[in-house]
Amino acid sequence: MTSDQEKILQQVIQCFRTGAPTAPFPDSDLTDNDAYAVQYALIERLKGEGEVVRGHKVALTTKAAREHVGVDEPCYGHILNTRVYPTGAQIPLGEYADPHCEAEVAFILGEDLKGPGVTSV
């Protein structure tokens, strides 16, 4: 990781752990690839601390959602075990820096998809 990516990773970790928002990164030349590199480093760090990746997600799939947060395209990420809540559970909103609600369809698979015609795109 570059030093800029490491600095941003530390800010994101602090935000994740405390629920306190972090400032945007206006002085950074952060590209989409850099942002995903930070995300993967975050996930690896959290897995090292006992978090478990339970799944993956695509967010900001509607134009309205993208306009709301000021981005041009959907993004993808990881679903962690500590952020999966059973039906009827009370969500601890204080643990989130800027909670939003977006309806998403999710599937829990019993095993990885594989075989002819299965690709990453």
C-alpha atoms as a PDB file:
ATOM      1  CA  MET A   1       0.000   0.000   0.000  1.00  0.00           C
ATOM      2  CA  THR A   2       1.103   3.546  -0.600  1.00  0.00           C
ATOM      3  CA  SER A   3       1.467   5.906   2.348  1.00  0.00           C
ATOM      4  CA  ASP A   4      -1.693   7.776   1.216  1.00  0.00           C
ATOM      5  CA  GLN A   5      -3.632   4.517   1.126  1.00  0.00           C
ATOM      6  CA  GLU A   6      -2.316   3.554   4.584  1.00  0.00           C
ATOM      7  CA  LYS A   7      -3.312   6.954   5.993  1.00  0.00           C
ATOM      8  CA  ILE A   8      -6.818   6.585   4.570  1.00  0.00           C
ATOM      9  CA  LEU A   9      -7.006   3.001   5.851  1.00  0.00           C
ATOM     10  CA  GLN A  10      -6.264   4.230   9.375  1.00  0.00           C
ATOM     11  CA  GLN A  11      -9.041   6.838   9.088  1.00  0.00           C
ATOM     12  CA  VAL A  12     -11.504   4.227   7.842  1.00  0.00           C
ATOM     13  CA  ILE A  13     -10.569   1.788  10.626  1.00  0.00           C
ATOM     14  CA  GLN A  14     -11.107   4.521  13.225  1.00  0.00           C
ATOM     15  CA  CYS A  15     -14.491   5.320  11.694  1.00  0.00           C
ATOM     16  CA  PHE A  16     -15.441   1.623  11.580  1.00  0.00           C
ATOM     17  CA  ARG A  17     -14.500   1.044  15.215  1.00  0.00           C
ATOM     18  CA  THR A  18     -16.009   4.193  16.720  1.00  0.00           C
ATOM     19  CA  GLY A  19     -18.909   5.053  14.444  1.00  0.00           C
ATOM     20  CA  ALA A  20     -17.556   8.608  14.302  1.00  0.00           C
ATOM     21  CA  PRO A  21     -17.546   9.982  10.769  1.00  0.00           C
ATOM     22  CA  THR A  22     -14.269  10.631   9.028  1.00  0.00           C
ATOM     23  CA  ALA A  23     -13.623  13.662   6.898  1.00  0.00           C
ATOM     24  CA  PRO A  24     -13.673  13.213   3.126  1.00  0.00           C
ATOM     25  CA  PHE A  25     -10.330  12.803   1.405  1.00  0.00           C
ATOM     26  CA  PRO A  26     -10.239  16.008  -0.711  1.00  0.00           C
ATOM     27  CA  ASP A  27      -6.446  16.339  -0.811  1.00  0.00           C
ATOM     28  CA  SER A  28      -5.991  12.796  -2.028  1.00  0.00           C
ATOM     29  CA  ASP A  29      -5.490  11.582  -5.564  1.00  0.00           C
ATOM     30  CA  LEU A  30      -7.455   8.478  -4.569  1.00  0.00           C
ATOM     31  CA  THR A  31      -8.641   6.527  -7.601  1.00  0.00           C
ATOM     32  CA  ASP A  32     -11.338   3.853  -7.669  1.00  0.00           C
ATOM     33  CA  ASN A  33      -8.570   1.231  -7.671  1.00  0.00           C
ATOM     34  CA  ASP A  34      -6.942   2.899  -4.644  1.00  0.00           C
ATOM     35  CA  ALA A  35     -10.263   2.935  -2.816  1.00  0.00           C
ATOM     36  CA  TYR A  36     -10.801  -0.765  -3.452  1.00  0.00           C
ATOM     37  CA  ALA A  37      -7.204  -1.470  -2.345  1.00  0.00           C
ATOM     38  CA  VAL A  38      -8.005   0.289   0.942  1.00  0.00           C
ATOM     39  CA  GLN A  39     -11.243  -1.712   1.224  1.00  0.00           C
ATOM     40  CA  TYR A  40      -9.420  -5.026   0.719  1.00  0.00           C
ATOM     41  CA  ALA A  41      -6.734  -4.027   3.234  1.00  0.00           C
ATOM     42  CA  LEU A  42      -9.485  -3.117   5.708  1.00  0.00           C
ATOM     43  CA  ILE A  43     -11.182  -6.481   5.233  1.00  0.00           C
ATOM     44  CA  GLU A  44      -7.901  -8.354   5.687  1.00  0.00           C
ATOM     45  CA  ARG A  45      -7.172  -6.377   8.860  1.00  0.00           C
ATOM     46  CA  LEU A  46     -10.656  -7.036  10.246  1.00  0.00           C
ATOM     47  CA  LYS A  47     -10.450 -10.737   9.370  1.00  0.00           C
ATOM     48  CA  GLY A  48      -7.211 -10.829  11.351  1.00  0.00           C
ATOM     49  CA  GLU A  49      -9.186  -9.470  14.297  1.00  0.00           C
ATOM     50  CA  GLY A  50     -11.851 -12.178  14.046  1.00  0.00           C
ATOM     51  CA  GLU A  51     -14.368 -10.706  11.596  1.00  0.00           C
ATOM     52  CA  VAL A  52     -15.783 -13.171   9.083  1.00  0.00           C
ATOM     53  CA  VAL A  53     -16.847 -12.291   5.559  1.00  0.00           C
ATOM     54  CA  ARG A  54     -20.378 -13.639   5.263  1.00  0.00           C
ATOM     55  CA  GLY A  55     -21.027 -12.386   1.744  1.00  0.00           C
ATOM     56  CA  HIS A  56     -20.621  -9.646  -0.807  1.00  0.00           C
ATOM     57  CA  LYS A  57     -22.845  -6.815  -1.903  1.00  0.00           C
ATOM     58  CA  VAL A  58     -23.414  -4.299  -4.626  1.00  0.00           C
ATOM     59  CA  ALA A  59     -24.677  -0.939  -3.400  1.00  0.00           C
ATOM     60  CA  LEU A  60     -25.909   2.263  -4.967  1.00  0.00           C
ATOM     61  CA  THR A  61     -27.626   0.381  -7.756  1.00  0.00           C
ATOM     62  CA  THR A  62     -30.199   3.089  -8.460  1.00  0.00           C
ATOM     63  CA  LYS A  63     -29.554   6.498  -9.972  1.00  0.00           C
ATOM     64  CA  ALA A  64     -31.272   8.180  -7.008  1.00  0.00           C
ATOM     65  CA  ALA A  65     -29.010   6.404  -4.493  1.00  0.00           C
ATOM     66  CA  ARG A  66     -25.877   7.329  -6.468  1.00  0.00           C
ATOM     67  CA  GLU A  67     -26.973  10.958  -6.750  1.00  0.00           C
ATOM     68  CA  HIS A  68     -27.675  11.037  -3.000  1.00  0.00           C
ATOM     69  CA  VAL A  69     -24.056  10.218  -2.162  1.00  0.00           C
ATOM     70  CA  GLY A  70     -22.506  11.864  -5.223  1.00  0.00           C
ATOM     71  CA  VAL A  71     -21.079   8.928  -7.151  1.00  0.00           C
ATOM     72  CA  ASP A  72     -21.395   7.847 -10.771  1.00  0.00           C
ATOM     73  CA  GLU A  73     -21.634   4.080 -10.525  1.00  0.00           C
ATOM     74  CA  PRO A  74     -22.563   1.265  -8.148  1.00  0.00           C
ATOM     75  CA  CYS A  75     -19.923  -0.013  -5.760  1.00  0.00           C
ATOM     76  CA  TYR A  76     -19.323  -3.395  -4.230  1.00  0.00           C
ATOM     77  CA  GLY A  77     -18.144  -4.545  -0.864  1.00  0.00           C
ATOM     78  CA  HIS A  78     -18.189  -7.194   1.807  1.00  0.00           C
ATOM     79  CA  ILE A  79     -20.806  -8.228   4.340  1.00  0.00           C
ATOM     80  CA  LEU A  80     -19.228  -8.956   7.721  1.00  0.00           C
ATOM     81  CA  ASN A  81     -20.637 -11.268  10.366  1.00  0.00           C
ATOM     82  CA  THR A  82     -20.870  -8.429  12.895  1.00  0.00           C
ATOM     83  CA  ARG A  83     -23.114  -6.481  10.514  1.00  0.00           C
ATOM     84  CA  VAL A  84     -25.653  -9.249   9.870  1.00  0.00           C
ATOM     85  CA  TYR A  85     -28.732  -8.926  12.068  1.00  0.00           C
ATOM     86  CA  PRO A  86     -31.600 -11.378  12.495  1.00  0.00           C
ATOM     87  CA  THR A  87     -35.160 -10.387  11.651  1.00  0.00           C
ATOM     88  CA  GLY A  88     -36.579  -8.199  14.392  1.00  0.00           C
ATOM     89  CA  ALA A  89     -33.214  -7.247  15.843  1.00  0.00           C
ATOM     90  CA  GLN A  90     -32.584  -3.691  16.994  1.00  0.00           C
ATOM     91  CA  ILE A  91     -29.833  -2.170  14.861  1.00  0.00           C
ATOM     92  CA  PRO A  92     -27.278  -0.214  16.946  1.00  0.00           C
ATOM     93  CA  LEU A  93     -27.323   2.946  14.803  1.00  0.00           C
ATOM     94  CA  GLY A  94     -24.813   4.649  17.114  1.00  0.00           C
ATOM     95  CA  GLU A  95     -22.159   2.276  15.754  1.00  0.00           C
ATOM     96  CA  TYR A  96     -22.509   3.743  12.259  1.00  0.00           C
ATOM     97  CA  ALA A  97     -21.010   7.016  11.062  1.00  0.00           C
ATOM     98  CA  ASP A  98     -23.768   7.858   8.572  1.00  0.00           C
ATOM     99  CA  PRO A  99     -26.466   5.196   8.544  1.00  0.00           C
ATOM    100  CA  HIS A 100     -28.602   4.858   5.434  1.00  0.00           C
ATOM    101  CA  CYS A 101     -31.179   2.337   4.418  1.00  0.00           C
ATOM    102  CA  GLU A 102     -31.277   0.907   0.910  1.00  0.00           C
ATOM    103  CA  ALA A 103     -33.352  -2.094  -0.066  1.00  0.00           C
ATOM    104  CA  GLU A 104     -31.112  -4.832  -1.429  1.00  0.00           C
ATOM    105  CA  VAL A 105     -31.694  -8.370  -2.539  1.00  0.00           C
ATOM    106  CA  ALA A 106     -29.376 -10.865  -0.881  1.00  0.00           C
ATOM    107  CA  PHE A 107     -28.806 -14.559  -1.323  1.00  0.00           C
ATOM    108  CA  ILE A 108     -27.106 -16.914   1.085  1.00  0.00           C
ATOM    109  CA  LEU A 109     -25.374 -19.632  -0.907  1.00  0.00           C
ATOM    110  CA  GLY A 110     -24.487 -22.983   0.539  1.00  0.00           C
ATOM    111  CA  GLU A 111     -21.324 -23.169  -1.573  1.00  0.00           C
ATOM    112  CA  ASP A 112     -19.365 -21.164  -4.128  1.00  0.00           C
ATOM    113  CA  LEU A 113     -20.734 -20.970  -7.658  1.00  0.00           C
ATOM    114  CA  LYS A 114     -18.564 -22.776 -10.162  1.00  0.00           C
ATOM    115  CA  GLY A 115     -18.778 -24.460 -13.515  1.00  0.00           C
ATOM    116  CA  PRO A 116     -19.135 -23.574 -17.166  1.00  0.00           C
ATOM    117  CA  GLY A 117     -20.517 -20.105 -17.829  1.00  0.00           C
ATOM    118  CA  VAL A 118     -19.793 -18.800 -14.315  1.00  0.00           C
ATOM    119  CA  THR A 119     -17.634 -15.685 -14.518  1.00  0.00           C
ATOM    120  CA  SER A 120     -16.779 -12.722 -12.339  1.00  0.00           C
ATOM    121  CA  VAL A 121     -18.505 -10.307 -14.751  1.00  0.00           C
END
